[in-house]
Amino acid sequence: LRRFAASSHGQAGLSAPKPLPSLLTALVRQQSPEARDVLHLIASVGGNDIAPVHLDALLGRGDSDRLCGELARTGLVVETDVGYRCPADVVDVVLKIRGVSYPTDKLCTYLIAWAAARATSPDAVADHHRILDALVLRAERDGRPDLGVALARAASPKLEKSLHFSAWGTLLGAGWSAAAAAKDKS
């Protein structure tokens, strides 16, 4: 990160390193528009683990796994057992560049249908519990607690069946908060 340069005394020396955020910004901007869209979506779910199948469905594409592989080689995402996640400093830079997160309503609507689907296994829901928690809270913060309630209701039965009780408990807590904000007593 340091560059070899002449000092003020005419001797060769090291110049000051560029701050990491400016390097990350440059690296993000070097990616293809498609890769930046994938990166934006991962950053919008808090950088939490997400499977490429969800990226493809939300972005309407079929190449998210390949794009994530390219992003992983640059260090902008990290491959996990579930799919890919984004380091916190990268999340901050990506969201700053975009100026906005991926729409909460689209994320929640998709994940409500996915979590409620018969084909979705309890373990798959448990693998994505951090995203679910984050979105329930984000929906409440964005003035759409009803979406947070619906997401918690759709996912909680599968989390219970997964036997990941800490994940189930955090989702129930987030869902109760959203229900209180929505004045939902059902």
C-alpha atoms as a PDB file:
ATOM      1  CA  LEU A   1       0.000   0.000   0.000  1.00  0.00           C
ATOM      2  CA  ARG A   2       2.958   2.270   0.360  1.00  0.00           C
ATOM      3  CA  ARG A   3       4.704   3.674  -2.660  1.00  0.00           C
ATOM      4  CA  PHE A   4       8.405   4.223  -2.981  1.00  0.00           C
ATOM      5  CA  ALA A   5       9.043   7.935  -3.471  1.00  0.00           C
ATOM      6  CA  ALA A   6      11.706  10.571  -2.995  1.00  0.00           C
ATOM      7  CA  SER A   7      11.540  12.273   0.396  1.00  0.00           C
ATOM      8  CA  SER A   8      11.768  16.019   0.847  1.00  0.00           C
ATOM      9  CA  HIS A   9      15.509  15.574   1.510  1.00  0.00           C
ATOM     10  CA  GLY A  10      16.097  13.958  -1.888  1.00  0.00           C
ATOM     11  CA  GLN A  11      16.361  10.475  -0.426  1.00  0.00           C
ATOM     12  CA  ALA A  12      14.147   7.614  -1.447  1.00  0.00           C
ATOM     13  CA  GLY A  13      11.470   6.697   1.080  1.00  0.00           C
ATOM     14  CA  LEU A  14       7.972   5.358   1.459  1.00  0.00           C
ATOM     15  CA  SER A  15       4.964   7.565   0.829  1.00  0.00           C
ATOM     16  CA  ALA A  16       2.012   7.437   3.171  1.00  0.00           C
ATOM     17  CA  PRO A  17      -0.466   4.622   2.529  1.00  0.00           C
ATOM     18  CA  LYS A  18      -3.868   5.395   1.075  1.00  0.00           C
ATOM     19  CA  PRO A  19      -6.692   4.942   3.563  1.00  0.00           C
ATOM     20  CA  LEU A  20      -8.423   1.557   3.274  1.00  0.00           C
ATOM     21  CA  PRO A  21     -11.889   3.000   2.464  1.00  0.00           C
ATOM     22  CA  SER A  22     -10.531   4.803  -0.605  1.00  0.00           C
ATOM     23  CA  LEU A  23      -8.859   1.589  -1.791  1.00  0.00           C
ATOM     24  CA  LEU A  24     -12.059  -0.379  -1.216  1.00  0.00           C
ATOM     25  CA  THR A  25     -14.065   2.265  -3.046  1.00  0.00           C
ATOM     26  CA  ALA A  26     -11.743   1.999  -6.031  1.00  0.00           C
ATOM     27  CA  LEU A  27     -11.891  -1.799  -5.964  1.00  0.00           C
ATOM     28  CA  VAL A  28     -15.698  -1.828  -5.807  1.00  0.00           C
ATOM     29  CA  ARG A  29     -15.952   0.645  -8.683  1.00  0.00           C
ATOM     30  CA  GLN A  30     -13.656  -1.551 -10.809  1.00  0.00           C
ATOM     31  CA  GLN A  31     -16.160  -4.413 -10.734  1.00  0.00           C
ATOM     32  CA  SER A  32     -18.628  -5.015 -13.559  1.00  0.00           C
ATOM     33  CA  PRO A  33     -22.117  -3.520 -13.133  1.00  0.00           C
ATOM     34  CA  GLU A  34     -23.506  -7.048 -12.636  1.00  0.00           C
ATOM     35  CA  ALA A  35     -20.956  -7.832  -9.915  1.00  0.00           C
ATOM     36  CA  ARG A  36     -21.696  -4.496  -8.226  1.00  0.00           C
ATOM     37  CA  ASP A  37     -25.430  -5.375  -8.206  1.00  0.00           C
ATOM     38  CA  VAL A  38     -24.671  -8.686  -6.479  1.00  0.00           C
ATOM     39  CA  LEU A  39     -22.349  -6.936  -4.032  1.00  0.00           C
ATOM     40  CA  HIS A  40     -25.022  -4.309  -3.321  1.00  0.00           C
ATOM     41  CA  LEU A  41     -27.591  -6.987  -2.529  1.00  0.00           C
ATOM     42  CA  ILE A  42     -25.225  -8.833  -0.174  1.00  0.00           C
ATOM     43  CA  ALA A  43     -24.354  -5.543   1.533  1.00  0.00           C
ATOM     44  CA  SER A  44     -28.065  -4.711   1.822  1.00  0.00           C
ATOM     45  CA  VAL A  45     -28.694  -7.819   3.911  1.00  0.00           C
ATOM     46  CA  GLY A  46     -26.062  -6.656   6.365  1.00  0.00           C
ATOM     47  CA  GLY A  47     -23.304  -8.609   4.677  1.00  0.00           C
ATOM     48  CA  ASN A  48     -24.754 -11.805   6.159  1.00  0.00           C
ATOM     49  CA  ASP A  49     -24.446 -15.240   4.550  1.00  0.00           C
ATOM     50  CA  ILE A  50     -26.743 -15.615   1.539  1.00  0.00           C
ATOM     51  CA  ALA A  51     -27.001 -18.431  -0.987  1.00  0.00           C
ATOM     52  CA  PRO A  52     -26.523 -17.593  -4.678  1.00  0.00           C
ATOM     53  CA  VAL A  53     -29.985 -18.996  -5.463  1.00  0.00           C
ATOM     54  CA  HIS A  54     -31.479 -16.071  -3.518  1.00  0.00           C
ATOM     55  CA  LEU A  55     -29.240 -13.550  -5.251  1.00  0.00           C
ATOM     56  CA  ASP A  56     -30.324 -14.943  -8.625  1.00  0.00           C
ATOM     57  CA  ALA A  57     -34.016 -14.847  -7.686  1.00  0.00           C
ATOM     58  CA  LEU A  58     -33.896 -11.312  -6.302  1.00  0.00           C
ATOM     59  CA  LEU A  59     -31.793  -9.919  -9.159  1.00  0.00           C
ATOM     60  CA  GLY A  60     -33.500 -11.898 -11.921  1.00  0.00           C
ATOM     61  CA  ARG A  61     -30.305 -13.529 -13.155  1.00  0.00           C
ATOM     62  CA  GLY A  62     -28.576 -16.894 -13.176  1.00  0.00           C
ATOM     63  CA  ASP A  63     -24.917 -16.016 -12.781  1.00  0.00           C
ATOM     64  CA  SER A  64     -24.628 -14.909  -9.154  1.00  0.00           C
ATOM     65  CA  ASP A  65     -22.470 -17.864  -8.127  1.00  0.00           C
ATOM     66  CA  ARG A  66     -19.931 -17.032 -10.847  1.00  0.00           C
ATOM     67  CA  LEU A  67     -20.007 -13.331  -9.974  1.00  0.00           C
ATOM     68  CA  CYS A  68     -19.569 -14.103  -6.276  1.00  0.00           C
ATOM     69  CA  GLY A  69     -16.592 -16.292  -7.155  1.00  0.00           C
ATOM     70  CA  GLU A  70     -15.015 -13.323  -8.941  1.00  0.00           C
ATOM     71  CA  LEU A  71     -15.793 -11.046  -5.999  1.00  0.00           C
ATOM     72  CA  ALA A  72     -14.307 -13.604  -3.596  1.00  0.00           C
ATOM     73  CA  ARG A  73     -11.031 -13.550  -5.539  1.00  0.00           C
ATOM     74  CA  THR A  74     -10.856  -9.801  -4.938  1.00  0.00           C
ATOM     75  CA  GLY A  75     -11.670 -10.196  -1.234  1.00  0.00           C
ATOM     76  CA  LEU A  76     -14.907  -8.202  -1.486  1.00  0.00           C
ATOM     77  CA  VAL A  77     -16.966 -11.242  -0.429  1.00  0.00           C
ATOM     78  CA  VAL A  78     -16.109 -14.376   1.500  1.00  0.00           C
ATOM     79  CA  GLU A  79     -17.345 -17.828   0.540  1.00  0.00           C
ATOM     80  CA  THR A  80     -19.100 -19.679   3.374  1.00  0.00           C
ATOM     81  CA  ASP A  81     -20.898 -23.004   3.820  1.00  0.00           C
ATOM     82  CA  VAL A  82     -24.176 -21.221   3.051  1.00  0.00           C
ATOM     83  CA  GLY A  83     -23.046 -19.063   0.140  1.00  0.00           C
ATOM     84  CA  TYR A  84     -21.325 -15.701   0.436  1.00  0.00           C
ATOM     85  CA  ARG A  85     -21.052 -12.882   2.939  1.00  0.00           C
ATOM     86  CA  CYS A  86     -19.517  -9.446   2.867  1.00  0.00           C
ATOM     87  CA  PRO A  87     -17.041  -8.028   5.430  1.00  0.00           C
ATOM     88  CA  ALA A  88     -18.360  -5.047   7.432  1.00  0.00           C
ATOM     89  CA  ASP A  89     -15.936  -2.520   5.940  1.00  0.00           C
ATOM     90  CA  VAL A  90     -16.990  -3.574   2.434  1.00  0.00           C
ATOM     91  CA  VAL A  91     -20.678  -3.310   3.404  1.00  0.00           C
ATOM     92  CA  ASP A  92     -20.116   0.282   4.526  1.00  0.00           C
ATOM     93  CA  VAL A  93     -18.303   1.237   1.317  1.00  0.00           C
ATOM     94  CA  VAL A  94     -20.844  -0.434  -1.001  1.00  0.00           C
ATOM     95  CA  LEU A  95     -23.831   1.170   0.715  1.00  0.00           C
ATOM     96  CA  LYS A  96     -22.094   4.546   0.708  1.00  0.00           C
ATOM     97  CA  ILE A  97     -21.415   4.268  -3.036  1.00  0.00           C
ATOM     98  CA  ARG A  98     -25.002   3.226  -3.803  1.00  0.00           C
ATOM     99  CA  GLY A  99     -26.503   5.660  -1.321  1.00  0.00           C
ATOM    100  CA  VAL A 100     -29.409   3.293  -0.687  1.00  0.00           C
ATOM    101  CA  SER A 101     -30.016  -0.294   0.379  1.00  0.00           C
ATOM    102  CA  TYR A 102     -31.839  -2.839  -1.738  1.00  0.00           C
ATOM    103  CA  PRO A 103     -35.577  -2.222  -1.122  1.00  0.00           C
ATOM    104  CA  THR A 104     -36.820  -3.717   2.133  1.00  0.00           C
ATOM    105  CA  ASP A 105     -40.237  -4.581   0.710  1.00  0.00           C
ATOM    106  CA  LYS A 106     -38.746  -6.637  -2.144  1.00  0.00           C
ATOM    107  CA  LEU A 107     -36.400  -8.499   0.202  1.00  0.00           C
ATOM    108  CA  CYS A 108     -39.152  -9.224   2.723  1.00  0.00           C
ATOM    109  CA  THR A 109     -41.738 -10.252   0.126  1.00  0.00           C
ATOM    110  CA  TYR A 110     -39.315 -12.684  -1.485  1.00  0.00           C
ATOM    111  CA  LEU A 111     -38.128 -14.166   1.824  1.00  0.00           C
ATOM    112  CA  ILE A 112     -41.686 -14.494   3.173  1.00  0.00           C
ATOM    113  CA  ALA A 113     -42.642 -16.624   0.154  1.00  0.00           C
ATOM    114  CA  TRP A 114     -39.381 -18.595   0.324  1.00  0.00           C
ATOM    115  CA  ALA A 115     -39.631 -19.323   4.066  1.00  0.00           C
ATOM    116  CA  ALA A 116     -43.278 -20.367   3.794  1.00  0.00           C
ATOM    117  CA  ALA A 117     -42.727 -22.636   0.774  1.00  0.00           C
ATOM    118  CA  ARG A 118     -43.090 -26.360   1.423  1.00  0.00           C
ATOM    119  CA  ALA A 119     -39.844 -27.043  -0.424  1.00  0.00           C
ATOM    120  CA  THR A 120     -37.838 -24.812   1.920  1.00  0.00           C
ATOM    121  CA  SER A 121     -36.215 -26.903   4.623  1.00  0.00           C
ATOM    122  CA  PRO A 122     -35.917 -25.859   8.263  1.00  0.00           C
ATOM    123  CA  ASP A 123     -32.123 -26.053   7.952  1.00  0.00           C
ATOM    124  CA  ALA A 124     -32.147 -23.687   4.954  1.00  0.00           C
ATOM    125  CA  VAL A 125     -34.140 -21.163   6.989  1.00  0.00           C
ATOM    126  CA  ALA A 126     -31.742 -21.604   9.910  1.00  0.00           C
ATOM    127  CA  ASP A 127     -28.799 -20.977   7.565  1.00  0.00           C
ATOM    128  CA  HIS A 128     -30.292 -17.574   6.737  1.00  0.00           C
ATOM    129  CA  HIS A 129     -31.473 -16.609  10.230  1.00  0.00           C
ATOM    130  CA  ARG A 130     -29.190 -13.566  10.484  1.00  0.00           C
ATOM    131  CA  ILE A 131     -30.686 -12.099   7.312  1.00  0.00           C
ATOM    132  CA  LEU A 132     -34.194 -12.789   8.591  1.00  0.00           C
ATOM    133  CA  ASP A 133     -33.468 -11.069  11.923  1.00  0.00           C
ATOM    134  CA  ALA A 134     -31.866  -8.097  10.201  1.00  0.00           C
ATOM    135  CA  LEU A 135     -34.769  -7.675   7.785  1.00  0.00           C
ATOM    136  CA  VAL A 136     -37.459  -7.931  10.451  1.00  0.00           C
ATOM    137  CA  LEU A 137     -35.714  -5.134  12.353  1.00  0.00           C
ATOM    138  CA  ARG A 138     -35.052  -3.140   9.177  1.00  0.00           C
ATOM    139  CA  ALA A 139     -38.702  -3.398   8.109  1.00  0.00           C
ATOM    140  CA  GLU A 140     -39.725  -1.978  11.485  1.00  0.00           C
ATOM    141  CA  ARG A 141     -37.140   0.806  11.197  1.00  0.00           C
ATOM    142  CA  ASP A 142     -38.301   1.602   7.640  1.00  0.00           C
ATOM    143  CA  GLY A 143     -41.898   2.082   8.804  1.00  0.00           C
ATOM    144  CA  ARG A 144     -43.089  -1.318   7.536  1.00  0.00           C
ATOM    145  CA  PRO A 145     -43.362  -3.378  10.718  1.00  0.00           C
ATOM    146  CA  ASP A 146     -46.166  -5.360   9.046  1.00  0.00           C
ATOM    147  CA  LEU A 147     -43.575  -6.847   6.686  1.00  0.00           C
ATOM    148  CA  GLY A 148     -41.345  -7.698   9.632  1.00  0.00           C
ATOM    149  CA  VAL A 149     -44.254  -9.446  11.350  1.00  0.00           C
ATOM    150  CA  ALA A 150     -45.101 -11.386   8.188  1.00  0.00           C
ATOM    151  CA  LEU A 151     -41.476 -12.454   7.723  1.00  0.00           C
ATOM    152  CA  ALA A 152     -41.150 -13.589  11.339  1.00  0.00           C
ATOM    153  CA  ARG A 153     -44.419 -15.516  11.076  1.00  0.00           C
ATOM    154  CA  ALA A 154     -43.341 -17.214   7.866  1.00  0.00           C
ATOM    155  CA  ALA A 155     -39.897 -18.229   9.120  1.00  0.00           C
ATOM    156  CA  SER A 156     -40.452 -19.023  12.806  1.00  0.00           C
ATOM    157  CA  PRO A 157     -42.147 -22.440  12.368  1.00  0.00           C
ATOM    158  CA  LYS A 158     -39.228 -23.667  10.269  1.00  0.00           C
ATOM    159  CA  LEU A 159     -36.686 -22.251  12.691  1.00  0.00           C
ATOM    160  CA  GLU A 160     -38.443 -24.089  15.495  1.00  0.00           C
ATOM    161  CA  LYS A 161     -38.247 -27.346  13.508  1.00  0.00           C
ATOM    162  CA  SER A 162     -34.570 -26.746  12.743  1.00  0.00           C
ATOM    163  CA  LEU A 163     -33.780 -27.046  16.465  1.00  0.00           C
ATOM    164  CA  HIS A 164     -31.616 -23.914  16.231  1.00  0.00           C
ATOM    165  CA  PHE A 165     -33.329 -22.472  19.270  1.00  0.00           C
ATOM    166  CA  SER A 166     -31.119 -19.406  19.669  1.00  0.00           C
ATOM    167  CA  ALA A 167     -31.892 -18.411  16.054  1.00  0.00           C
ATOM    168  CA  TRP A 168     -35.577 -19.072  16.654  1.00  0.00           C
ATOM    169  CA  GLY A 169     -35.492 -16.998  19.834  1.00  0.00           C
ATOM    170  CA  THR A 170     -33.857 -13.974  18.216  1.00  0.00           C
ATOM    171  CA  LEU A 171     -36.354 -14.065  15.354  1.00  0.00           C
ATOM    172  CA  LEU A 172     -39.269 -14.278  17.781  1.00  0.00           C
ATOM    173  CA  GLY A 173     -37.864 -11.305  19.698  1.00  0.00           C
ATOM    174  CA  ALA A 174     -37.501  -9.244  16.529  1.00  0.00           C
ATOM    175  CA  GLY A 175     -40.986 -10.330  15.427  1.00  0.00           C
ATOM    176  CA  TRP A 176     -42.541  -9.318  18.750  1.00  0.00           C
ATOM    177  CA  SER A 177     -40.920  -5.903  18.461  1.00  0.00           C
ATOM    178  CA  ALA A 178     -42.273  -5.501  14.920  1.00  0.00           C
ATOM    179  CA  ALA A 179     -45.727  -6.701  16.046  1.00  0.00           C
ATOM    180  CA  ALA A 180     -45.767  -4.108  18.820  1.00  0.00           C
ATOM    181  CA  ALA A 181     -44.786  -1.387  16.339  1.00  0.00           C
ATOM    182  CA  ALA A 182     -47.495  -2.575  13.927  1.00  0.00           C
ATOM    183  CA  LYS A 183     -50.027  -2.779  16.789  1.00  0.00           C
ATOM    184  CA  ASP A 184     -50.583  -6.390  15.661  1.00  0.00           C
ATOM    185  CA  LYS A 185     -52.105  -8.384  18.505  1.00  0.00           C
ATOM    186  CA  SER A 186     -52.885 -11.540  16.510  1.00  0.00           C
END
